[in-house]
Amino acid sequence: INMIKDCDRQITEREKEIIKMYHGIGYARTYTLKEIGIDLGLTRERIRQIKEKVLEKIKRKKTAETLKGLLNDQH
């Protein structure tokens, strides 16, 4: 969840909700892609695509922060 908070400006409310539902953050259980799709009026495949897009954004941010740290350590 800290990664989600760190990427707050980069991901939409819908994207955050999908990740939270998928991982059960703030919910009593985790939800399947199909269940999330039904709840949000989207297909299971579209939910999967959005989830992957969010995870890629998080990875890019983490990579950028790591590279920035390495560059700052060299000076």
PDB file of N, CA and C in Angstrom:
ATOM      1  N   ILE A   1       0.829  -1.204   0.000  1.00  0.00           N
ATOM      2  CA  ILE A   1       0.000   0.000   0.000  1.00  0.00           C
ATOM      3  C   ILE A   1       0.866   1.257   0.000  1.00  0.00           C
ATOM      4  N   ASN A   2       2.058   1.195   0.582  1.00  0.00           N
ATOM      5  CA  ASN A   2       2.942   2.357   0.541  1.00  0.00           C
ATOM      6  C   ASN A   2       3.316   2.714  -0.886  1.00  0.00           C
ATOM      7  N   MET A   3       3.511   1.683  -1.726  1.00  0.00           N
ATOM      8  CA  MET A   3       3.820   1.954  -3.123  1.00  0.00           C
ATOM      9  C   MET A   3       2.663   2.657  -3.802  1.00  0.00           C
ATOM     10  N   ILE A   4       1.428   2.283  -3.450  1.00  0.00           N
ATOM     11  CA  ILE A   4       0.263   2.940  -4.028  1.00  0.00           C
ATOM     12  C   ILE A   4       0.234   4.399  -3.606  1.00  0.00           C
ATOM     13  N   LYS A   5       0.502   4.660  -2.336  1.00  0.00           N
ATOM     14  CA  LYS A   5       0.519   6.045  -1.852  1.00  0.00           C
ATOM     15  C   LYS A   5       1.611   6.848  -2.547  1.00  0.00           C
ATOM     16  N   ASP A   6       2.787   6.242  -2.754  1.00  0.00           N
ATOM     17  CA  ASP A   6       3.891   6.924  -3.416  1.00  0.00           C
ATOM     18  C   ASP A   6       3.549   7.279  -4.860  1.00  0.00           C
ATOM     19  N   CYS A   7       2.733   6.474  -5.499  1.00  0.00           N
ATOM     20  CA  CYS A   7       2.373   6.686  -6.900  1.00  0.00           C
ATOM     21  C   CYS A   7       1.042   7.412  -7.040  1.00  0.00           C
ATOM     22  N   ASP A   8       0.576   7.986  -5.959  1.00  0.00           N
ATOM     23  CA  ASP A   8      -0.759   8.576  -5.907  1.00  0.00           C
ATOM     24  C   ASP A   8      -1.038   9.515  -7.071  1.00  0.00           C
ATOM     25  N   ARG A   9      -0.072  10.301  -7.449  1.00  0.00           N
ATOM     26  CA  ARG A   9      -0.286  11.269  -8.522  1.00  0.00           C
ATOM     27  C   ARG A   9      -0.301  10.605  -9.895  1.00  0.00           C
ATOM     28  N   GLN A  10       0.259   9.425  -9.992  1.00  0.00           N
ATOM     29  CA  GLN A  10       0.397   8.769 -11.291  1.00  0.00           C
ATOM     30  C   GLN A  10      -0.739   7.816 -11.631  1.00  0.00           C
ATOM     31  N   ILE A  11      -1.510   7.381 -10.657  1.00  0.00           N
ATOM     32  CA  ILE A  11      -2.579   6.431 -10.952  1.00  0.00           C
ATOM     33  C   ILE A  11      -3.933   7.025 -10.593  1.00  0.00           C
ATOM     34  N   THR A  12      -4.934   6.651 -11.378  1.00  0.00           N
ATOM     35  CA  THR A  12      -6.279   7.197 -11.190  1.00  0.00           C
ATOM     36  C   THR A  12      -6.973   6.513 -10.018  1.00  0.00           C
ATOM     37  N   GLU A  13      -8.077   7.094  -9.611  1.00  0.00           N
ATOM     38  CA  GLU A  13      -8.875   6.499  -8.532  1.00  0.00           C
ATOM     39  C   GLU A  13      -9.349   5.099  -8.923  1.00  0.00           C
ATOM     40  N   ARG A  14      -9.776   4.935 -10.163  1.00  0.00           N
ATOM     41  CA  ARG A  14     -10.243   3.624 -10.625  1.00  0.00           C
ATOM     42  C   ARG A  14      -9.108   2.603 -10.581  1.00  0.00           C
ATOM     43  N   GLU A  15      -7.918   3.010 -11.021  1.00  0.00           N
ATOM     44  CA  GLU A  15      -6.768   2.111 -10.979  1.00  0.00           C
ATOM     45  C   GLU A  15      -6.445   1.711  -9.541  1.00  0.00           C
ATOM     46  N   LYS A  16      -6.484   2.680  -8.626  1.00  0.00           N
ATOM     47  CA  LYS A  16      -6.225   2.378  -7.214  1.00  0.00           C
ATOM     48  C   LYS A  16      -7.252   1.389  -6.677  1.00  0.00           C
ATOM     49  N   GLU A  17      -8.509   1.602  -7.025  1.00  0.00           N
ATOM     50  CA  GLU A  17      -9.577   0.722  -6.543  1.00  0.00           C
ATOM     51  C   GLU A  17      -9.386  -0.699  -7.042  1.00  0.00           C
ATOM     52  N   ILE A  18      -8.997  -0.840  -8.295  1.00  0.00           N
ATOM     53  CA  ILE A  18      -8.754  -2.166  -8.862  1.00  0.00           C
ATOM     54  C   ILE A  18      -7.644  -2.880  -8.098  1.00  0.00           C
ATOM     55  N   ILE A  19      -6.541  -2.197  -7.855  1.00  0.00           N
ATOM     56  CA  ILE A  19      -5.419  -2.806  -7.122  1.00  0.00           C
ATOM     57  C   ILE A  19      -5.842  -3.159  -5.699  1.00  0.00           C
ATOM     58  N   LYS A  20      -6.557  -2.259  -5.045  1.00  0.00           N
ATOM     59  CA  LYS A  20      -7.004  -2.517  -3.674  1.00  0.00           C
ATOM     60  C   LYS A  20      -7.940  -3.719  -3.616  1.00  0.00           C
ATOM     61  N   MET A  21      -8.878  -3.809  -4.540  1.00  0.00           N
ATOM     62  CA  MET A  21      -9.805  -4.945  -4.561  1.00  0.00           C
ATOM     63  C   MET A  21      -9.059  -6.243  -4.860  1.00  0.00           C
ATOM     64  N   TYR A  22      -8.174  -6.194  -5.836  1.00  0.00           N
ATOM     65  CA  TYR A  22      -7.445  -7.396  -6.251  1.00  0.00           C
ATOM     66  C   TYR A  22      -6.600  -7.956  -5.098  1.00  0.00           C
ATOM     67  N   HIS A  23      -6.011  -7.070  -4.322  1.00  0.00           N
ATOM     68  CA  HIS A  23      -5.154  -7.497  -3.213  1.00  0.00           C
ATOM     69  C   HIS A  23      -5.871  -7.496  -1.863  1.00  0.00           C
ATOM     70  N   GLY A  24      -7.148  -7.107  -1.847  1.00  0.00           N
ATOM     71  CA  GLY A  24      -7.915  -7.119  -0.608  1.00  0.00           C
ATOM     72  C   GLY A  24      -7.533  -6.024   0.368  1.00  0.00           C
ATOM     73  N   ILE A  25      -6.961  -4.939  -0.117  1.00  0.00           N
ATOM     74  CA  ILE A  25      -6.546  -3.831   0.742  1.00  0.00           C
ATOM     75  C   ILE A  25      -7.786  -3.010   1.097  1.00  0.00           C
ATOM     76  N   GLY A  26      -8.155  -3.035   2.381  1.00  0.00           N
ATOM     77  CA  GLY A  26      -9.336  -2.327   2.817  1.00  0.00           C
ATOM     78  C   GLY A  26     -10.627  -3.110   2.621  1.00  0.00           C
ATOM     79  N   TYR A  27     -10.507  -4.349   2.204  1.00  0.00           N
ATOM     80  CA  TYR A  27     -11.650  -5.231   1.991  1.00  0.00           C
ATOM     81  C   TYR A  27     -11.498  -6.473   2.857  1.00  0.00           C
ATOM     82  N   ALA A  28     -12.588  -7.174   3.067  1.00  0.00           N
ATOM     83  CA  ALA A  28     -12.555  -8.389   3.880  1.00  0.00           C
ATOM     84  C   ALA A  28     -11.878  -9.550   3.149  1.00  0.00           C
ATOM     85  N   ARG A  29     -11.747  -9.434   1.837  1.00  0.00           N
ATOM     86  CA  ARG A  29     -11.152 -10.511   1.043  1.00  0.00           C
ATOM     87  C   ARG A  29     -10.595  -9.952  -0.254  1.00  0.00           C
ATOM     88  N   THR A  30      -9.904 -10.786  -0.996  1.00  0.00           N
ATOM     89  CA  THR A  30      -9.451 -10.400  -2.326  1.00  0.00           C
ATOM     90  C   THR A  30     -10.561 -10.690  -3.326  1.00  0.00           C
ATOM     91  N   TYR A  31     -10.516 -10.007  -4.445  1.00  0.00           N
ATOM     92  CA  TYR A  31     -11.509 -10.191  -5.500  1.00  0.00           C
ATOM     93  C   TYR A  31     -10.824 -10.691  -6.766  1.00  0.00           C
ATOM     94  N   THR A  32     -11.539 -11.505  -7.520  1.00  0.00           N
ATOM     95  CA  THR A  32     -11.006 -11.978  -8.795  1.00  0.00           C
ATOM     96  C   THR A  32     -11.148 -10.874  -9.837  1.00  0.00           C
ATOM     97  N   LEU A  33     -10.422 -11.023 -10.930  1.00  0.00           N
ATOM     98  CA  LEU A  33     -10.535 -10.064 -12.021  1.00  0.00           C
ATOM     99  C   LEU A  33     -11.971  -9.991 -12.522  1.00  0.00           C
ATOM    100  N   LYS A  34     -12.610 -11.144 -12.605  1.00  0.00           N
ATOM    101  CA  LYS A  34     -14.004 -11.200 -13.071  1.00  0.00           C
ATOM    102  C   LYS A  34     -14.928 -10.441 -12.120  1.00  0.00           C
ATOM    103  N   GLU A  35     -14.765 -10.655 -10.815  1.00  0.00           N
ATOM    104  CA  GLU A  35     -15.607  -9.969  -9.826  1.00  0.00           C
ATOM    105  C   GLU A  35     -15.415  -8.457  -9.880  1.00  0.00           C
ATOM    106  N   ILE A  36     -14.164  -8.038 -10.022  1.00  0.00           N
ATOM    107  CA  ILE A  36     -13.882  -6.605 -10.112  1.00  0.00           C
ATOM    108  C   ILE A  36     -14.521  -6.040 -11.381  1.00  0.00           C
ATOM    109  N   GLY A  37     -14.390  -6.782 -12.473  1.00  0.00           N
ATOM    110  CA  GLY A  37     -14.980  -6.352 -13.736  1.00  0.00           C
ATOM    111  C   GLY A  37     -16.487  -6.185 -13.637  1.00  0.00           C
ATOM    112  N   ILE A  38     -17.137  -7.128 -13.001  1.00  0.00           N
ATOM    113  CA  ILE A  38     -18.593  -7.037 -12.826  1.00  0.00           C
ATOM    114  C   ILE A  38     -18.938  -5.798 -12.002  1.00  0.00           C
ATOM    115  N   ASP A  39     -18.203  -5.591 -10.923  1.00  0.00           N
ATOM    116  CA  ASP A  39     -18.461  -4.451 -10.041  1.00  0.00           C
ATOM    117  C   ASP A  39     -18.268  -3.114 -10.760  1.00  0.00           C
ATOM    118  N   LEU A  40     -17.260  -3.040 -11.619  1.00  0.00           N
ATOM    119  CA  LEU A  40     -16.930  -1.780 -12.295  1.00  0.00           C
ATOM    120  C   LEU A  40     -17.506  -1.677 -13.705  1.00  0.00           C
ATOM    121  N   GLY A  41     -18.193  -2.718 -14.155  1.00  0.00           N
ATOM    122  CA  GLY A  41     -18.790  -2.692 -15.486  1.00  0.00           C
ATOM    123  C   GLY A  41     -17.781  -2.835 -16.608  1.00  0.00           C
ATOM    124  N   LEU A  42     -16.716  -3.581 -16.351  1.00  0.00           N
ATOM    125  CA  LEU A  42     -15.670  -3.812 -17.343  1.00  0.00           C
ATOM    126  C   LEU A  42     -15.448  -5.313 -17.502  1.00  0.00           C
ATOM    127  N   THR A  43     -14.772  -5.699 -18.568  1.00  0.00           N
ATOM    128  CA  THR A  43     -14.473  -7.118 -18.764  1.00  0.00           C
ATOM    129  C   THR A  43     -13.314  -7.540 -17.868  1.00  0.00           C
ATOM    130  N   ARG A  44     -13.217  -8.837 -17.640  1.00  0.00           N
ATOM    131  CA  ARG A  44     -12.110  -9.387 -16.869  1.00  0.00           C
ATOM    132  C   ARG A  44     -10.783  -9.021 -17.531  1.00  0.00           C
ATOM    133  N   GLU A  45     -10.743  -9.096 -18.851  1.00  0.00           N
ATOM    134  CA  GLU A  45      -9.516  -8.789 -19.591  1.00  0.00           C
ATOM    135  C   GLU A  45      -9.121  -7.324 -19.419  1.00  0.00           C
ATOM    136  N   ARG A  46     -10.092  -6.425 -19.436  1.00  0.00           N
ATOM    137  CA  ARG A  46      -9.784  -5.006 -19.261  1.00  0.00           C
ATOM    138  C   ARG A  46      -9.247  -4.736 -17.856  1.00  0.00           C
ATOM    139  N   ILE A  47      -9.811  -5.402 -16.860  1.00  0.00           N
ATOM    140  CA  ILE A  47      -9.312  -5.265 -15.489  1.00  0.00           C
ATOM    141  C   ILE A  47      -7.870  -5.754 -15.411  1.00  0.00           C
ATOM    142  N   ARG A  48      -7.576  -6.881 -16.063  1.00  0.00           N
ATOM    143  CA  ARG A  48      -6.211  -7.416 -16.080  1.00  0.00           C
ATOM    144  C   ARG A  48      -5.255  -6.401 -16.706  1.00  0.00           C
ATOM    145  N   GLN A  49      -5.665  -5.802 -17.822  1.00  0.00           N
ATOM    146  CA  GLN A  49      -4.824  -4.816 -18.503  1.00  0.00           C
ATOM    147  C   GLN A  49      -4.549  -3.609 -17.605  1.00  0.00           C
ATOM    148  N   ILE A  50      -5.583  -3.119 -16.946  1.00  0.00           N
ATOM    149  CA  ILE A  50      -5.425  -1.968 -16.052  1.00  0.00           C
ATOM    150  C   ILE A  50      -4.498  -2.322 -14.901  1.00  0.00           C
ATOM    151  N   LYS A  51      -4.680  -3.504 -14.317  1.00  0.00           N
ATOM    152  CA  LYS A  51      -3.827  -3.954 -13.202  1.00  0.00           C
ATOM    153  C   LYS A  51      -2.363  -4.003 -13.640  1.00  0.00           C
ATOM    154  N   GLU A  52      -2.108  -4.561 -14.806  1.00  0.00           N
ATOM    155  CA  GLU A  52      -0.733  -4.647 -15.310  1.00  0.00           C
ATOM    156  C   GLU A  52      -0.150  -3.256 -15.574  1.00  0.00           C
ATOM    157  N   LYS A  53      -0.977  -2.357 -16.088  1.00  0.00           N
ATOM    158  CA  LYS A  53      -0.537  -0.981 -16.357  1.00  0.00           C
ATOM    159  C   LYS A  53      -0.123  -0.289 -15.064  1.00  0.00           C
ATOM    160  N   VAL A  54      -0.903  -0.468 -14.007  1.00  0.00           N
ATOM    161  CA  VAL A  54      -0.585   0.138 -12.715  1.00  0.00           C
ATOM    162  C   VAL A  54       0.720  -0.433 -12.168  1.00  0.00           C
ATOM    163  N   LEU A  55       0.871  -1.737 -12.236  1.00  0.00           N
ATOM    164  CA  LEU A  55       2.098  -2.359 -11.733  1.00  0.00           C
ATOM    165  C   LEU A  55       3.320  -1.875 -12.509  1.00  0.00           C
ATOM    166  N   GLU A  56       3.161  -1.655 -13.809  1.00  0.00           N
ATOM    167  CA  GLU A  56       4.257  -1.135 -14.623  1.00  0.00           C
ATOM    168  C   GLU A  56       4.598   0.295 -14.206  1.00  0.00           C
ATOM    169  N   LYS A  57       3.588   1.114 -13.915  1.00  0.00           N
ATOM    170  CA  LYS A  57       3.834   2.480 -13.438  1.00  0.00           C
ATOM    171  C   LYS A  57       4.611   2.455 -12.129  1.00  0.00           C
ATOM    172  N   ILE A  58       4.228   1.555 -11.226  1.00  0.00           N
ATOM    173  CA  ILE A  58       4.904   1.445  -9.935  1.00  0.00           C
ATOM    174  C   ILE A  58       6.354   1.023 -10.137  1.00  0.00           C
ATOM    175  N   LYS A  59       6.580   0.060 -11.036  1.00  0.00           N
ATOM    176  CA  LYS A  59       7.951  -0.397 -11.308  1.00  0.00           C
ATOM    177  C   LYS A  59       8.797   0.731 -11.890  1.00  0.00           C
ATOM    178  N   ARG A  60       8.221   1.488 -12.831  1.00  0.00           N
ATOM    179  CA  ARG A  60       8.968   2.598 -13.444  1.00  0.00           C
ATOM    180  C   ARG A  60       9.339   3.641 -12.400  1.00  0.00           C
ATOM    181  N   LYS A  61       8.411   3.958 -11.506  1.00  0.00           N
ATOM    182  CA  LYS A  61       8.687   4.943 -10.459  1.00  0.00           C
ATOM    183  C   LYS A  61       9.806   4.447  -9.549  1.00  0.00           C
ATOM    184  N   LYS A  62       9.735   3.184  -9.164  1.00  0.00           N
ATOM    185  CA  LYS A  62      10.758   2.596  -8.291  1.00  0.00           C
ATOM    186  C   LYS A  62      12.113   2.620  -8.995  1.00  0.00           C
ATOM    187  N   THR A  63      12.135   2.276 -10.279  1.00  0.00           N
ATOM    188  CA  THR A  63      13.380   2.283 -11.045  1.00  0.00           C
ATOM    189  C   THR A  63      13.943   3.696 -11.140  1.00  0.00           C
ATOM    190  N   ALA A  64      13.072   4.663 -11.398  1.00  0.00           N
ATOM    191  CA  ALA A  64      13.516   6.054 -11.499  1.00  0.00           C
ATOM    192  C   ALA A  64      14.101   6.537 -10.175  1.00  0.00           C
ATOM    193  N   GLU A  65      13.456   6.178  -9.062  1.00  0.00           N
ATOM    194  CA  GLU A  65      13.961   6.583  -7.752  1.00  0.00           C
ATOM    195  C   GLU A  65      15.309   5.932  -7.458  1.00  0.00           C
ATOM    196  N   THR A  66      15.461   4.678  -7.834  1.00  0.00           N
ATOM    197  CA  THR A  66      16.725   3.959  -7.628  1.00  0.00           C
ATOM    198  C   THR A  66      17.838   4.611  -8.438  1.00  0.00           C
ATOM    199  N   LEU A  67      17.563   4.912  -9.714  1.00  0.00           N
ATOM    200  CA  LEU A  67      18.569   5.553 -10.562  1.00  0.00           C
ATOM    201  C   LEU A  67      18.931   6.940 -10.035  1.00  0.00           C
ATOM    202  N   LYS A  68      17.945   7.686  -9.592  1.00  0.00           N
ATOM    203  CA  LYS A  68      18.202   9.016  -9.037  1.00  0.00           C
ATOM    204  C   LYS A  68      19.103   8.909  -7.811  1.00  0.00           C
ATOM    205  N   GLY A  69      18.827   7.926  -6.954  1.00  0.00           N
ATOM    206  CA  GLY A  69      19.658   7.711  -5.774  1.00  0.00           C
ATOM    207  C   GLY A  69      21.087   7.353  -6.135  1.00  0.00           C
ATOM    208  N   LEU A  70      21.244   6.501  -7.132  1.00  0.00           N
ATOM    209  CA  LEU A  70      22.590   6.114  -7.572  1.00  0.00           C
ATOM    210  C   LEU A  70      23.348   7.312  -8.129  1.00  0.00           C
ATOM    211  N   LEU A  71      22.678   8.130  -8.927  1.00  0.00           N
ATOM    212  CA  LEU A  71      23.334   9.306  -9.501  1.00  0.00           C
ATOM    213  C   LEU A  71      23.708  10.304  -8.419  1.00  0.00           C
ATOM    214  N   ASN A  72      22.841  10.484  -7.431  1.00  0.00           N
ATOM    215  CA  ASN A  72      23.136  11.430  -6.347  1.00  0.00           C
ATOM    216  C   ASN A  72      24.286  10.924  -5.478  1.00  0.00           C
ATOM    217  N   ASP A  73      24.419   9.604  -5.321  1.00  0.00           N
ATOM    218  CA  ASP A  73      25.498   9.039  -4.511  1.00  0.00           C
ATOM    219  C   ASP A  73      26.863   9.219  -5.172  1.00  0.00           C
ATOM    220  N   GLN A  74      26.875   9.375  -6.491  1.00  0.00           N
ATOM    221  CA  GLN A  74      28.140   9.496  -7.196  1.00  0.00           C
ATOM    222  C   GLN A  74      28.739  10.893  -7.101  1.00  0.00           C
ATOM    223  N   HIS A  75      27.962  11.871  -6.679  1.00  0.00           N
ATOM    224  CA  HIS A  75      28.454  13.254  -6.611  1.00  0.00           C
ATOM    225  C   HIS A  75      28.796  13.669  -5.217  1.00  0.00           C
TER     226      HIS A  75
END
